[in-house]
Amino acid sequence: MPYEIKKVFASLPQVERGVSKIIGGDPKGNNFLYTNGKCVILRNIDDHSRFVNCVRFSPDGNRFATASADGQIHIYDGKTGEKVCALGGGKAHDGGIYAISWSPDSTHLLSASGDKTSKIWDVNVNSVVNTFTMGSSVLDQQLGCLWQKDHLLSISLSGYINYLDKNNPSKPLRVIKGHSKSIQCLTVHKNGGKSYIYSGSHDGHINVWLFLNRAPHYWDSETGENDSFTGKGHTNQVSRMTVDEAGQLVSCSMDDTVRYTNLMLRDYSGQGVVKLDVQPKCVAVGPGGYAVVVCVEQIVLLKDQKKCFSIDSPGYEPEVVAVHPSGDMVAVGATDGKVRLYSILGTTLKDEGKLLEAKGPVTDVAYSHDGAFLAVCDASKVVTVFSVADGYSENNVFYGHHAKIVCLAWSPDNEHFASGGMDMMVYIWTLSDPETRVKIQDAHRLHHVSSLAWLDEHTLVTTSHDASVKEWTISY
């Protein structure tokens, strides 16, 4: 197989004939629905005063537990349905309880609550064994839990998954972090021999994954370990991001700003923020401290984090931008299906008066790393590659996607490039032969591919509005 998914960085009761099994409870907490193997029974139990959020049978089937928004957990006999006890003698938690999970030996119960704690209960003696206090923020409310063999997990409102430590309740063994909203863009950067993936999401997070989210998120591409940038960052969707020659993450957002973030500190500060007059769509960087931002009916040139030139109302709607690796030329793709070329002259942009024709509204543009080619994808499902050395003449056309193409990225070998589309597919194309390609069907099954980047010649990273980041090994 020419591709292989390398990493992805997101119960029914056992039925025994003649023995009743709980199926669920109504929202008011009075009626429980269960089956005895022959029929379905609706039974009234009025021990809870508010909504019942969770009902779980013990693995041995001898007991079942109910957890409610009233902060109570009740234990019942699994065969007769008679109440055995209320954990804690009354309220088990100071807030509503959203989830419970039994230990494999059916003697203990793990609970998760809106009071920002999880607890382990010894059901036989009706006492608390451990209390895990997860924090003081609203996002630290505990909404789910699981006891799987020796592992105890809880889920916070933030979306983080916590590995609980029975021997040290004050600190989780591990916290798995990530995006809880759709991911719009990503970029990659190597530092200290490690590859980092930065992903930006719909809510303004940037995550770093040692492999970024609307708070950027960063990820470690080898281990999947990741975290968000600290401090107050973007307040709306991160639309595009890239890394400049100074090792700064340059991101543009629907909050009308471009931010420069130090990748060593991974901390937002009041500095490095460029406020724009209108909403930016895309940003690209070049050598010498230059950055070009495409906005709604405006193109802005930045030099050393300051606005130095703008083209207002250019007569077309710019959509995407790329800067040639040499830093002397800028390609701007537009909704009219054309790519316009501008040269950077000091602190100004000069229109070269040259139009490149795509097959439809332009959705992304990208120069190869050696600057020899410019790839352009469009809403008509086509990628067109232009030869820079030949005066931007058309080199080849690539067909295959079944829907609008959204993103492009060149491999470091300059011979291959990848495209992702609304058809949830990723293609890896060979520059010299459009018929030689690798097709990744349903790369993201739940939503379209929103961005992609290469870690090396054989490792591709993709992301999607399904809020996941995937790493692929590509072979030719």
Protein backbone atom coordinates (compact mmCIF):
# COMPACT_ATOMS: atom_id res chain seq x y z
CA MET A 1 0.00 0.00 0.00
CA PRO A 2 1.49 3.40 -1.00
CA TYR A 3 0.29 5.09 2.17
CA GLU A 4 -0.16 4.09 5.78
CA ILE A 5 -1.91 5.92 8.62
CA LYS A 6 0.78 6.30 11.25
CA LYS A 7 -0.92 8.24 14.05
CA VAL A 8 -4.25 9.86 14.88
CA PHE A 9 -4.09 12.47 17.51
CA ALA A 10 -11.02 11.45 19.69
CA SER A 11 -21.85 0.41 25.99
CA LEU A 12 -24.22 -1.98 25.64
CA PRO A 13 -25.29 -4.14 28.64
CA GLN A 14 -24.45 -7.83 28.66
CA VAL A 15 -27.76 -9.64 28.23
CA GLU A 16 -28.45 -12.80 30.21
CA ARG A 17 -31.76 -14.48 29.52
CA GLY A 18 -34.18 -14.16 32.41
CA VAL A 19 -32.12 -11.52 34.25
CA SER A 20 -33.20 -7.88 34.23
CA LYS A 21 -30.86 -5.33 32.70
CA ILE A 22 -31.15 -1.57 33.01
CA ILE A 23 -31.36 0.27 29.69
CA GLY A 24 -31.75 3.88 30.85
CA GLY A 25 -33.71 6.45 32.80
CA ASP A 26 -35.97 9.33 31.85
CA PRO A 27 -34.70 12.93 32.24
CA LYS A 28 -36.86 13.62 35.30
CA GLY A 29 -35.20 10.77 37.13
CA ASN A 30 -38.33 8.83 38.10
CA ASN A 31 -38.69 6.05 35.54
CA PHE A 32 -36.17 3.38 34.60
CA LEU A 33 -36.47 1.25 31.49
CA TYR A 34 -35.10 -2.30 31.59
CA THR A 35 -35.54 -5.73 30.05
CA ASN A 36 -35.70 -9.21 31.56
CA GLY A 37 -34.87 -10.94 28.29
CA LYS A 38 -38.50 -11.41 27.26
CA CYS A 39 -40.08 -7.99 27.54
CA VAL A 40 -39.30 -4.33 28.25
CA ILE A 41 -40.47 -2.92 31.58
CA LEU A 42 -40.95 0.65 32.67
CA ARG A 43 -40.51 0.95 36.43
CA ASN A 44 -40.90 3.93 38.73
CA ILE A 45 -38.01 4.76 41.07
CA ASP A 46 -38.23 8.15 42.73
CA ASP A 47 -35.00 8.34 44.74
CA HIS A 48 -33.53 11.17 42.66
CA SER A 49 -34.89 14.72 42.71
CA ARG A 50 -33.29 15.87 39.44
CA PHE A 51 -32.21 14.50 36.07
CA VAL A 52 -30.54 11.09 36.01
CA ASN A 53 -27.40 11.42 33.90
CA CYS A 54 -25.93 7.92 34.08
CA VAL A 55 -26.90 4.32 34.95
CA ARG A 56 -24.25 1.59 35.09
CA PHE A 57 -24.38 -2.11 35.96
CA SER A 58 -21.44 -3.58 37.85
CA PRO A 59 -19.38 -6.02 35.73
CA ASP A 60 -20.63 -9.00 37.81
CA GLY A 61 -24.26 -7.88 37.32
CA ASN A 62 -25.07 -7.94 41.04
CA ARG A 63 -25.56 -4.17 41.40
CA PHE A 64 -26.31 -1.12 39.35
CA ALA A 65 -25.63 2.53 40.18
CA THR A 66 -27.45 5.71 39.20
CA ALA A 67 -25.94 9.21 39.12
CA SER A 68 -27.96 12.40 38.97
CA ALA A 69 -27.81 16.18 38.62
CA ASP A 70 -28.88 16.28 42.29
CA GLY A 71 -25.35 15.21 43.29
CA GLN A 72 -26.45 11.79 44.51
CA ILE A 73 -25.36 8.26 43.61
CA HIS A 74 -27.72 5.39 44.50
CA ILE A 75 -26.78 1.71 44.51
CA TYR A 76 -29.43 -0.95 43.73
CA ASP A 77 -29.55 -4.72 43.76
CA GLY A 78 -29.00 -5.86 40.17
CA LYS A 79 -31.55 -8.67 40.30
CA THR A 80 -34.37 -7.29 42.43
CA GLY A 81 -33.94 -3.58 41.78
CA GLU A 82 -34.14 -2.84 45.51
CA LYS A 83 -32.15 0.12 46.78
CA VAL A 84 -29.00 -0.81 48.69
CA CYS A 85 -27.61 2.58 49.71
CA ALA A 86 -26.84 6.17 48.75
CA LEU A 87 -23.12 6.79 48.49
CA GLY A 88 -21.91 9.33 51.01
CA GLY A 89 -25.15 8.92 52.95
CA GLY A 90 -26.71 11.73 50.93
CA LYS A 91 -24.86 13.92 48.50
CA ALA A 92 -21.89 12.25 46.88
CA HIS A 93 -20.74 15.47 45.19
CA ASP A 94 -21.38 19.21 45.66
CA GLY A 95 -22.43 19.48 42.02
CA GLY A 96 -24.29 17.42 39.47
CA ILE A 97 -22.78 14.04 38.62
CA TYR A 98 -22.36 13.39 34.92
CA ALA A 99 -20.75 9.96 34.80
CA ILE A 100 -19.86 6.87 36.82
CA SER A 101 -17.77 3.79 36.03
CA TRP A 102 -17.29 0.52 37.95
CA SER A 103 -13.96 -1.08 38.76
CA PRO A 104 -13.35 -4.43 37.02
CA ASP A 105 -13.91 -6.32 40.30
CA SER A 106 -17.27 -4.57 40.94
CA THR A 107 -16.20 -3.30 44.38
CA HIS A 108 -15.38 0.35 43.60
CA LEU A 109 -17.01 3.14 41.62
CA LEU A 110 -15.45 6.15 39.89
CA SER A 111 -17.60 9.30 39.63
CA ALA A 112 -17.19 12.58 37.70
CA SER A 113 -18.92 15.80 38.72
CA GLY A 114 -19.52 19.42 37.81
CA ASP A 115 -17.95 20.35 41.15
CA LYS A 116 -14.58 19.87 39.35
CA THR A 117 -13.75 16.63 41.16
CA SER A 118 -13.71 12.93 40.47
CA LYS A 119 -13.99 10.41 43.30
CA ILE A 120 -13.33 6.73 43.93
CA TRP A 121 -15.91 5.03 46.17
CA ASP A 122 -15.63 1.77 48.08
CA VAL A 123 -19.18 0.58 47.47
CA ASN A 124 -19.07 -2.23 50.05
CA VAL A 125 -18.36 0.12 52.98
CA ASN A 126 -19.94 3.26 51.44
CA SER A 127 -16.91 5.53 51.77
CA VAL A 128 -14.70 7.77 49.64
CA VAL A 129 -11.28 6.30 48.89
CA ASN A 130 -9.83 9.16 46.79
CA THR A 131 -10.89 12.64 45.73
CA PHE A 132 -9.27 14.09 42.62
CA THR A 133 -9.56 17.90 42.49
CA MET A 134 -8.99 18.87 38.88
CA GLY A 135 -8.82 22.68 39.17
CA SER A 136 -10.86 25.82 39.80
CA SER A 137 -11.86 26.91 36.29
CA VAL A 138 -15.27 26.26 34.74
CA LEU A 139 -13.42 24.20 32.12
CA ASP A 140 -12.25 21.85 34.91
CA GLN A 141 -15.77 20.44 35.43
CA GLN A 142 -15.65 16.65 35.02
CA LEU A 143 -18.11 15.34 32.43
CA GLY A 144 -17.06 11.74 31.90
CA CYS A 145 -15.02 8.91 33.40
CA LEU A 146 -13.82 5.39 32.65
CA TRP A 147 -12.26 2.63 34.75
CA GLN A 148 -10.48 0.36 32.28
CA LYS A 149 -8.32 -2.36 33.90
CA ASP A 150 -5.69 -0.41 35.89
CA HIS A 151 -6.40 2.89 34.13
CA LEU A 152 -8.69 5.57 35.57
CA LEU A 153 -9.65 8.36 33.18
CA SER A 154 -11.82 11.46 33.42
CA ILE A 155 -12.85 14.03 30.82
CA SER A 156 -12.90 17.75 31.59
CA LEU A 157 -15.24 20.33 30.04
CA SER A 158 -12.14 21.63 28.23
CA GLY A 159 -12.05 18.32 26.36
CA TYR A 160 -8.84 17.22 28.08
CA ILE A 161 -8.54 13.56 29.11
CA ASN A 162 -6.98 13.03 32.54
CA TYR A 163 -5.18 9.87 33.65
CA LEU A 164 -5.90 9.76 37.39
CA ASP A 165 -3.28 8.60 39.90
CA LYS A 166 -4.67 6.75 42.93
CA ASN A 167 -1.36 7.23 44.71
CA ASN A 168 -1.26 10.99 44.09
CA PRO A 169 -4.79 12.39 43.74
CA SER A 170 -3.49 15.99 43.56
CA LYS A 171 -1.91 15.54 40.12
CA PRO A 172 -2.92 13.41 37.10
CA LEU A 173 -0.38 10.96 35.72
CA ARG A 174 -0.95 12.41 32.27
CA VAL A 175 -3.25 14.88 30.55
CA ILE A 176 -4.12 14.39 26.88
CA LYS A 177 -4.86 17.73 25.26
CA GLY A 178 -6.11 18.72 21.84
CA HIS A 179 -8.67 20.69 19.92
CA SER A 180 -12.34 20.58 20.81
CA LYS A 181 -13.35 22.66 17.77
CA SER A 182 -12.76 22.18 14.05
CA ILE A 183 -9.15 22.70 12.92
CA GLN A 184 -8.73 25.22 10.12
CA CYS A 185 -4.99 25.21 9.43
CA LEU A 186 -1.61 23.77 10.36
CA THR A 187 2.08 24.22 9.71
CA VAL A 188 5.26 22.36 10.66
CA HIS A 189 8.63 23.48 12.01
CA LYS A 190 11.84 21.71 12.99
CA ASN A 191 13.77 22.83 16.04
CA GLY A 192 16.52 21.09 17.99
CA GLY A 193 16.26 17.97 15.87
CA LYS A 194 12.54 17.57 16.58
CA SER A 195 9.57 18.18 14.34
CA TYR A 196 6.67 20.23 15.66
CA ILE A 197 3.19 20.53 14.22
CA TYR A 198 1.21 23.70 14.91
CA SER A 199 -2.54 23.61 14.38
CA GLY A 200 -5.06 26.46 14.57
CA SER A 201 -8.75 25.97 15.24
CA HIS A 202 -12.12 27.56 14.71
CA ASP A 203 -12.26 28.90 18.28
CA GLY A 204 -8.92 30.72 17.97
CA HIS A 205 -6.74 28.18 19.80
CA ILE A 206 -3.34 27.14 18.52
CA ASN A 207 -1.96 23.78 19.61
CA VAL A 208 1.57 22.53 19.31
CA TRP A 209 1.91 18.84 18.66
CA LEU A 210 5.87 17.99 19.34
CA PHE A 211 3.42 17.98 16.65
CA LEU A 212 -1.20 24.23 17.48
CA ASN A 213 -5.61 25.42 18.39
CA ARG A 214 -7.70 29.32 18.44
CA ALA A 215 -5.22 28.95 21.27
CA PRO A 216 -2.43 27.57 19.09
CA HIS A 217 -1.66 23.94 19.83
CA TYR A 218 1.75 22.34 19.38
CA TRP A 219 2.44 18.64 18.87
CA ASP A 220 5.49 16.36 19.02
CA SER A 221 5.34 14.45 15.74
CA GLU A 222 7.03 11.41 17.29
CA THR A 223 5.07 11.03 20.51
CA GLY A 224 1.89 13.02 19.86
CA GLU A 225 2.51 14.99 23.06
CA ASN A 226 1.00 18.46 22.70
CA ASP A 227 -0.11 21.58 24.49
CA SER A 228 -1.74 24.94 23.88
CA PHE A 229 0.04 28.27 23.80
CA THR A 230 -0.27 30.15 27.07
CA GLY A 231 -1.70 33.63 27.50
CA LYS A 232 -4.50 35.38 25.67
CA GLY A 233 -4.28 34.79 21.94
CA HIS A 234 -6.65 34.98 19.03
CA THR A 235 -10.31 35.42 19.88
CA ASN A 236 -11.72 33.98 16.67
CA GLN A 237 -10.92 31.44 13.98
CA VAL A 238 -7.26 31.05 13.06
CA SER A 239 -7.39 31.11 9.25
CA ARG A 240 -3.76 30.53 8.30
CA MET A 241 -0.36 30.16 9.94
CA THR A 242 3.27 29.78 8.92
CA VAL A 243 6.74 30.03 10.46
CA ASP A 244 9.11 32.84 9.44
CA GLU A 245 12.90 32.78 9.14
CA ALA A 246 13.25 34.10 12.73
CA GLY A 247 11.44 31.04 14.08
CA GLN A 248 8.26 32.90 14.91
CA LEU A 249 4.79 31.55 14.31
CA VAL A 250 2.89 34.03 12.14
CA SER A 251 -0.88 33.54 12.30
CA CYS A 252 -3.85 35.48 10.97
CA SER A 253 -7.33 35.31 12.41
CA MET A 254 -10.90 36.44 11.90
CA ASP A 255 -10.33 38.69 14.93
CA ASP A 256 -8.65 41.10 12.40
CA THR A 257 -5.12 40.54 13.68
CA VAL A 258 -1.82 39.00 12.63
CA ARG A 259 0.20 37.61 15.54
CA TYR A 260 3.91 36.86 15.81
CA THR A 261 4.53 34.26 18.53
CA ASN A 262 7.92 33.12 19.80
CA LEU A 263 8.10 29.36 19.31
CA MET A 264 10.64 28.91 22.09
CA LEU A 265 8.36 30.55 24.69
CA ARG A 266 5.02 29.44 23.15
CA ASP A 267 3.44 32.31 25.01
CA TYR A 268 1.17 35.06 23.75
CA SER A 269 2.13 38.56 24.77
CA GLY A 270 0.83 42.05 24.11
CA GLN A 271 3.66 42.51 21.63
CA GLY A 272 3.83 41.03 18.17
CA VAL A 273 0.20 41.85 17.35
CA VAL A 274 -0.61 43.71 14.13
CA LYS A 275 -4.14 45.10 14.01
CA LEU A 276 -5.63 45.19 10.51
CA ASP A 277 -8.40 47.36 9.10
CA VAL A 278 -10.33 44.42 7.67
CA GLN A 279 -10.51 40.68 8.19
CA PRO A 280 -7.48 38.69 6.98
CA LYS A 281 -7.88 35.46 5.04
CA CYS A 282 -4.34 34.26 4.44
CA VAL A 283 -0.74 35.13 5.33
CA ALA A 284 2.59 34.18 3.75
CA VAL A 285 6.12 35.06 4.81
CA GLY A 286 9.38 35.65 3.01
CA PRO A 287 13.00 36.40 3.88
CA GLY A 288 14.01 39.80 5.25
CA GLY A 289 11.15 40.09 7.72
CA TYR A 290 8.46 40.38 5.03
CA ALA A 291 4.91 39.06 5.32
CA VAL A 292 2.01 39.49 2.92
CA VAL A 293 -1.56 39.34 4.20
CA VAL A 294 -4.58 38.88 1.96
CA CYS A 295 -7.69 40.47 3.48
CA VAL A 296 -11.24 41.19 2.36
CA GLU A 297 -10.69 43.52 -0.64
CA GLN A 298 -7.20 44.43 0.54
CA ILE A 299 -3.59 43.23 0.29
CA VAL A 300 -1.20 44.27 3.08
CA LEU A 301 2.60 44.18 3.11
CA LEU A 302 4.26 43.83 6.52
CA LYS A 303 7.93 44.50 7.23
CA ASP A 304 9.40 43.60 10.64
CA GLN A 305 5.91 43.22 12.15
CA LYS A 306 4.69 46.61 10.92
CA LYS A 307 2.34 47.62 8.12
CA CYS A 308 4.29 49.40 5.41
CA PHE A 309 2.06 49.20 2.32
CA SER A 310 -1.45 48.19 1.28
CA ILE A 311 -3.43 47.81 -1.90
CA ASP A 312 -7.03 48.82 -1.17
CA SER A 313 -9.92 47.71 -3.38
CA PRO A 314 -7.68 45.97 -5.95
CA GLY A 315 -10.61 45.38 -8.31
CA TYR A 316 -10.90 41.67 -7.52
CA GLU A 317 -11.43 39.56 -4.40
CA PRO A 318 -8.06 38.18 -3.22
CA GLU A 319 -8.29 34.83 -1.46
CA VAL A 320 -4.84 33.26 -0.93
CA VAL A 321 -1.19 34.28 -1.16
CA ALA A 322 2.29 32.76 -1.48
CA VAL A 323 5.74 34.38 -1.39
CA HIS A 324 8.52 33.02 -3.61
CA PRO A 325 11.40 31.52 -1.56
CA SER A 326 13.73 34.22 -2.92
CA GLY A 327 11.43 36.86 -1.44
CA ASP A 328 11.14 38.93 -4.62
CA MET A 329 7.75 37.79 -5.95
CA VAL A 330 4.24 37.37 -4.50
CA ALA A 331 1.45 35.29 -6.04
CA VAL A 332 -2.12 36.26 -5.09
CA GLY A 333 -4.97 33.92 -6.00
CA ALA A 334 -8.50 35.30 -6.40
CA THR A 335 -12.10 34.20 -6.64
CA ASP A 336 -12.19 35.23 -10.32
CA GLY A 337 -9.99 32.25 -11.17
CA LYS A 338 -6.81 34.24 -11.75
CA VAL A 339 -3.44 34.51 -10.02
CA ARG A 340 -1.75 37.91 -10.06
CA LEU A 341 1.97 38.47 -9.56
CA TYR A 342 3.47 41.30 -7.50
CA SER A 343 7.14 42.10 -6.89
CA ILE A 344 8.37 43.30 -3.50
CA LEU A 345 10.31 46.54 -3.91
CA GLY A 346 11.50 47.79 -0.54
CA THR A 347 8.32 48.73 1.29
CA THR A 348 5.92 48.52 -1.66
CA LEU A 349 4.26 45.95 -3.89
CA LYS A 350 4.41 46.41 -7.67
CA ASP A 351 1.82 44.79 -9.91
CA GLU A 352 3.71 42.91 -12.62
CA GLY A 353 0.62 42.94 -14.84
CA LYS A 354 0.78 39.18 -15.38
CA LEU A 355 -2.31 36.97 -15.00
CA LEU A 356 -2.16 33.21 -14.54
CA GLU A 357 -5.36 31.40 -15.47
CA ALA A 358 -6.70 28.68 -13.16
CA LYS A 359 -9.67 26.48 -14.07
CA GLY A 360 -11.94 28.01 -11.41
CA PRO A 361 -11.98 30.22 -8.28
CA VAL A 362 -8.53 29.88 -6.69
CA THR A 363 -8.52 28.20 -3.26
CA ASP A 364 -4.77 27.86 -2.55
CA VAL A 365 -1.35 28.62 -4.04
CA ALA A 366 2.08 27.26 -3.10
CA TYR A 367 5.62 27.63 -4.42
CA SER A 368 7.89 24.59 -4.44
CA HIS A 369 10.75 24.83 -1.92
CA ASP A 370 13.30 25.41 -4.68
CA GLY A 371 11.11 28.14 -6.20
CA ALA A 372 10.94 26.42 -9.59
CA PHE A 373 7.18 25.86 -9.68
CA LEU A 374 3.94 27.44 -8.50
CA ALA A 375 0.99 25.12 -7.82
CA VAL A 376 -2.55 26.53 -7.93
CA CYS A 377 -5.68 24.65 -6.89
CA ASP A 378 -9.25 25.74 -7.49
CA ALA A 379 -12.92 25.13 -6.79
CA SER A 380 -13.25 23.31 -10.13
CA LYS A 381 -11.31 20.32 -8.70
CA VAL A 382 -8.11 21.00 -10.66
CA VAL A 383 -4.47 21.65 -9.72
CA THR A 384 -2.45 23.66 -12.27
CA VAL A 385 1.34 23.88 -11.99
CA PHE A 386 3.23 26.78 -13.56
CA SER A 387 6.97 26.84 -14.37
CA VAL A 388 8.61 29.93 -12.85
CA ALA A 389 11.75 29.74 -14.98
CA ASP A 390 9.64 29.64 -18.15
CA GLY A 391 7.85 32.88 -17.32
CA TYR A 392 5.10 31.12 -15.37
CA SER A 393 4.00 29.06 -18.34
CA GLU A 394 1.64 26.18 -17.66
CA ASN A 395 3.64 23.06 -16.88
CA ASN A 396 0.95 20.48 -16.15
CA VAL A 397 -2.65 20.02 -15.04
CA PHE A 398 -3.75 17.47 -12.42
CA TYR A 399 -7.25 15.98 -12.24
CA GLY A 400 -8.67 13.50 -9.73
CA HIS A 401 -10.59 15.19 -6.93
CA HIS A 402 -14.37 14.80 -6.94
CA ALA A 403 -15.08 18.12 -5.20
CA LYS A 404 -13.50 21.52 -4.50
CA ILE A 405 -9.80 21.37 -3.62
CA VAL A 406 -9.02 23.28 -0.42
CA CYS A 407 -5.28 23.06 0.27
CA LEU A 408 -1.85 22.35 -1.21
CA ALA A 409 1.62 21.51 0.13
CA TRP A 410 4.91 20.69 -1.61
CA SER A 411 7.09 17.82 -0.47
CA PRO A 412 10.70 18.73 0.44
CA ASP A 413 11.83 16.72 -2.61
CA ASN A 414 10.15 19.31 -4.94
CA GLU A 415 8.99 16.42 -7.12
CA HIS A 416 5.77 15.65 -5.25
CA PHE A 417 2.98 17.74 -3.78
CA ALA A 418 -0.20 16.93 -1.88
CA SER A 419 -3.72 18.29 -2.24
CA GLY A 420 -6.74 17.94 0.05
CA GLY A 421 -10.36 18.57 -0.80
CA MET A 422 -14.00 18.75 0.16
CA ASP A 423 -14.28 15.14 -1.05
CA MET A 424 -12.34 14.11 2.11
CA MET A 425 -9.56 12.76 -0.11
CA VAL A 426 -5.85 13.50 -0.25
CA TYR A 427 -3.81 13.06 -3.41
CA ILE A 428 -0.01 12.96 -3.60
CA TRP A 429 0.96 13.98 -7.12
CA THR A 430 4.17 13.42 -9.10
CA LEU A 431 5.20 16.62 -10.87
CA SER A 432 6.60 14.95 -13.98
CA ASP A 433 3.66 12.56 -14.46
CA PRO A 434 0.07 13.52 -13.48
CA GLU A 435 -0.99 9.88 -13.83
CA THR A 436 1.44 8.73 -11.13
CA ARG A 437 -0.29 9.54 -7.87
CA VAL A 438 -1.14 8.22 -4.43
CA LYS A 439 -4.79 8.46 -3.45
CA ILE A 440 -5.84 8.44 0.20
CA GLN A 441 -9.56 7.71 0.24
CA ASP A 442 -11.57 9.14 3.15
CA ALA A 443 -8.49 10.62 4.79
CA HIS A 444 -10.87 12.26 7.26
CA ARG A 445 -14.21 10.47 7.27
CA LEU A 446 -16.22 13.04 9.22
CA HIS A 447 -15.28 16.21 7.34
CA HIS A 448 -13.22 17.66 4.51
CA VAL A 449 -9.44 18.07 4.63
CA SER A 450 -8.75 21.66 5.72
CA SER A 451 -4.93 21.78 5.71
CA LEU A 452 -1.82 19.67 5.16
CA ALA A 453 1.97 19.88 5.49
CA TRP A 454 5.05 17.69 5.08
CA LEU A 455 7.35 16.68 7.94
CA ASP A 456 9.78 15.06 5.51
CA GLU A 457 9.76 13.49 2.05
CA HIS A 458 7.73 10.49 3.22
CA THR A 459 5.66 11.90 6.10
CA LEU A 460 2.51 13.94 5.48
CA VAL A 461 0.35 15.58 8.14
CA THR A 462 -3.31 16.37 7.50
CA THR A 463 -6.05 18.01 9.50
CA SER A 464 -9.77 18.56 9.17
CA HIS A 465 -12.86 20.14 10.64
CA ASP A 466 -13.26 16.79 12.44
CA ALA A 467 -10.75 18.30 14.98
CA SER A 468 -8.14 15.58 14.40
CA VAL A 469 -4.55 15.66 13.18
CA LYS A 470 -3.28 12.64 11.25
CA GLU A 471 0.23 11.64 10.30
CA TRP A 472 0.74 9.51 7.16
CA THR A 473 3.72 7.56 5.87
CA ILE A 474 3.89 7.87 2.08
CA SER A 475 5.74 5.45 -0.19
CA TYR A 476 6.08 5.79 -3.97
